[in-house]
Amino acid sequence: MKKALNNLTMAIGIVLICASLFGYGLDKFGYVDIPNDKLPFIIIVIGIIVGGVCDVFVKSEKEIKKEFEIEANDERNVSINRIAKSFAFDIMTVLFSATITIMALIGEISVGSFFMFFAIYVITQIAYIYKLRKLHKTM
């Protein structure tokens, strides 16, 4: 029963997201007139909430605690999580720097915003180098 309810909420969430994206596309191409431009994005957020967060309400507290304990203590899951984070960081580093550069070159970003994002990028790179050197010394 719980699995069926979980699948149903996930399906409803996916349908809401797809319908919202489809409606947004129809609005942009002029086939449909949506009165509020933010409505598709609100429906997408509702779809994400229905599809993802309802899983928490379907499971009991004991099941959730058991899953968290298993995932936190399993070395394989910890290793997979760290590898995935490092891969995502590598991709984010390239995409973030390319996006800042492209937006600055085409003039779509103000000078203040550019330096704010550049400072965030530099801080993350400094933190990465600091942690990398610290780990090399201790290991």
Protein backbone atom coordinates (compact mmCIF):
# COMPACT_ATOMS: atom_id res chain seq x y z
CA MET A 1 0.00 0.00 0.00
CA LYS A 2 2.75 2.42 0.94
CA LYS A 3 4.72 1.63 -2.20
CA ALA A 4 1.64 2.19 -4.37
CA LEU A 5 0.96 5.52 -2.65
CA ASN A 6 4.60 6.53 -3.08
CA ASN A 7 4.47 5.63 -6.80
CA LEU A 8 1.20 7.55 -7.19
CA THR A 9 2.60 10.72 -5.60
CA MET A 10 5.74 10.43 -7.73
CA ALA A 11 3.61 10.04 -10.87
CA ILE A 12 1.45 13.04 -9.93
CA GLY A 13 4.58 15.12 -9.37
CA ILE A 14 6.04 14.14 -12.74
CA VAL A 15 2.74 14.85 -14.51
CA LEU A 16 2.54 18.30 -12.88
CA ILE A 17 6.11 19.15 -13.91
CA CYS A 18 5.63 17.94 -17.50
CA ALA A 19 2.26 19.68 -17.88
CA SER A 20 3.72 22.91 -16.54
CA LEU A 21 6.68 22.77 -18.92
CA PHE A 22 4.35 21.94 -21.82
CA GLY A 23 2.04 24.84 -20.93
CA TYR A 24 4.99 27.19 -20.60
CA GLY A 25 6.20 26.16 -24.03
CA LEU A 26 2.76 26.68 -25.53
CA ASP A 27 2.62 30.13 -23.94
CA LYS A 28 6.02 31.13 -25.28
CA PHE A 29 5.14 30.02 -28.82
CA GLY A 30 1.84 31.92 -28.66
CA TYR A 31 -0.61 29.01 -28.75
CA VAL A 32 -2.00 29.61 -25.25
CA ASP A 33 -2.12 32.76 -23.14
CA ILE A 34 -1.24 32.12 -19.51
CA PRO A 35 -2.43 35.10 -17.42
CA ASN A 36 0.41 34.91 -14.89
CA ASP A 37 3.95 34.27 -16.15
CA LYS A 38 4.97 32.73 -12.81
CA LEU A 39 2.19 30.12 -12.80
CA PRO A 40 4.19 27.38 -14.61
CA PHE A 41 7.07 27.77 -12.18
CA ILE A 42 4.71 27.59 -9.20
CA ILE A 43 3.24 24.38 -10.61
CA ILE A 44 6.75 22.96 -11.12
CA VAL A 45 7.57 23.63 -7.45
CA ILE A 46 4.29 21.99 -6.40
CA GLY A 47 5.16 18.99 -8.60
CA ILE A 48 8.59 18.69 -6.98
CA ILE A 49 7.06 18.90 -3.52
CA VAL A 50 4.35 16.33 -4.32
CA GLY A 51 6.80 13.98 -6.04
CA GLY A 52 9.62 14.14 -3.54
CA VAL A 53 8.49 15.29 -0.16
CA CYS A 54 5.44 13.02 0.04
CA ASP A 55 7.85 10.10 0.34
CA VAL A 56 8.70 11.36 3.82
CA PHE A 57 5.06 11.29 4.90
CA VAL A 58 4.45 7.82 3.49
CA LYS A 59 7.26 6.16 5.46
CA SER A 60 7.09 5.65 9.19
CA GLU A 61 9.61 7.23 11.52
CA LYS A 62 11.22 3.85 12.27
CA GLU A 63 11.74 3.13 8.56
CA ILE A 64 13.33 6.52 7.99
CA LYS A 65 15.68 6.13 10.98
CA LYS A 66 16.68 2.65 9.84
CA GLU A 67 17.45 3.88 6.30
CA PHE A 68 19.51 6.80 7.62
CA GLU A 69 21.51 4.52 9.93
CA ILE A 70 22.21 2.04 7.14
CA GLU A 71 23.25 4.77 4.70
CA ALA A 72 25.36 6.64 7.24
CA ASN A 73 27.28 3.58 8.38
CA ASP A 74 27.72 1.78 5.06
CA GLU A 75 31.24 2.46 3.75
CA ARG A 76 30.18 1.78 0.18
CA ASN A 77 27.44 4.43 0.31
CA VAL A 78 29.82 6.92 1.91
CA SER A 79 32.41 6.29 -0.80
CA ILE A 80 29.82 6.58 -3.58
CA ASN A 81 28.51 9.81 -2.08
CA ARG A 82 32.00 11.33 -1.91
CA ILE A 83 32.83 10.34 -5.49
CA ALA A 84 29.54 11.81 -6.73
CA LYS A 85 30.18 15.05 -4.85
CA SER A 86 33.68 15.36 -6.26
CA PHE A 87 32.39 14.73 -9.79
CA ALA A 88 29.65 17.35 -9.33
CA PHE A 89 32.22 19.82 -7.96
CA ASP A 90 34.44 19.31 -11.00
CA ILE A 91 31.56 19.94 -13.37
CA MET A 92 30.28 22.91 -11.35
CA THR A 93 33.72 24.51 -11.36
CA VAL A 94 33.95 24.42 -15.14
CA LEU A 95 30.34 25.47 -15.77
CA PHE A 96 30.36 28.23 -13.16
CA SER A 97 33.54 29.83 -14.47
CA ALA A 98 32.38 29.51 -18.10
CA THR A 99 28.98 31.02 -17.28
CA ILE A 100 30.52 33.97 -15.45
CA THR A 101 32.92 34.60 -18.33
CA ILE A 102 30.28 34.31 -21.06
CA MET A 103 27.78 36.52 -19.24
CA ALA A 104 30.45 39.15 -18.63
CA LEU A 105 31.53 39.10 -22.28
CA ILE A 106 28.02 39.47 -23.68
CA GLY A 107 27.13 42.15 -21.14
CA GLU A 108 24.27 40.32 -19.42
CA ILE A 109 25.69 40.76 -15.91
CA SER A 110 26.48 43.90 -13.96
CA VAL A 111 29.95 44.63 -12.64
CA GLY A 112 28.86 44.18 -9.03
CA SER A 113 27.25 40.83 -9.74
CA PHE A 114 30.29 39.71 -11.72
CA PHE A 115 32.67 40.42 -8.86
CA MET A 116 30.32 38.84 -6.33
CA PHE A 117 30.14 35.60 -8.34
CA PHE A 118 33.86 35.76 -9.03
CA ALA A 119 34.53 36.12 -5.29
CA ILE A 120 32.35 33.07 -4.60
CA TYR A 121 34.28 31.13 -7.23
CA VAL A 122 37.64 32.17 -5.77
CA ILE A 123 36.54 31.27 -2.22
CA THR A 124 35.47 27.79 -3.31
CA GLN A 125 38.76 27.24 -5.12
CA ILE A 126 40.77 28.42 -2.10
CA ALA A 127 38.77 26.10 0.17
CA TYR A 128 39.39 23.22 -2.25
CA ILE A 129 43.14 23.85 -2.37
CA TYR A 130 43.33 24.27 1.43
CA LYS A 131 41.50 20.99 2.08
CA LEU A 132 43.49 19.19 -0.59
CA ARG A 133 46.85 20.23 0.92
CA LYS A 134 45.67 19.44 4.43
CA LEU A 135 44.59 15.96 3.38
CA HIS A 136 47.86 15.36 1.54
CA LYS A 137 49.81 16.19 4.69
CA THR A 138 47.74 13.95 6.95
CA MET A 139 47.43 10.96 4.60
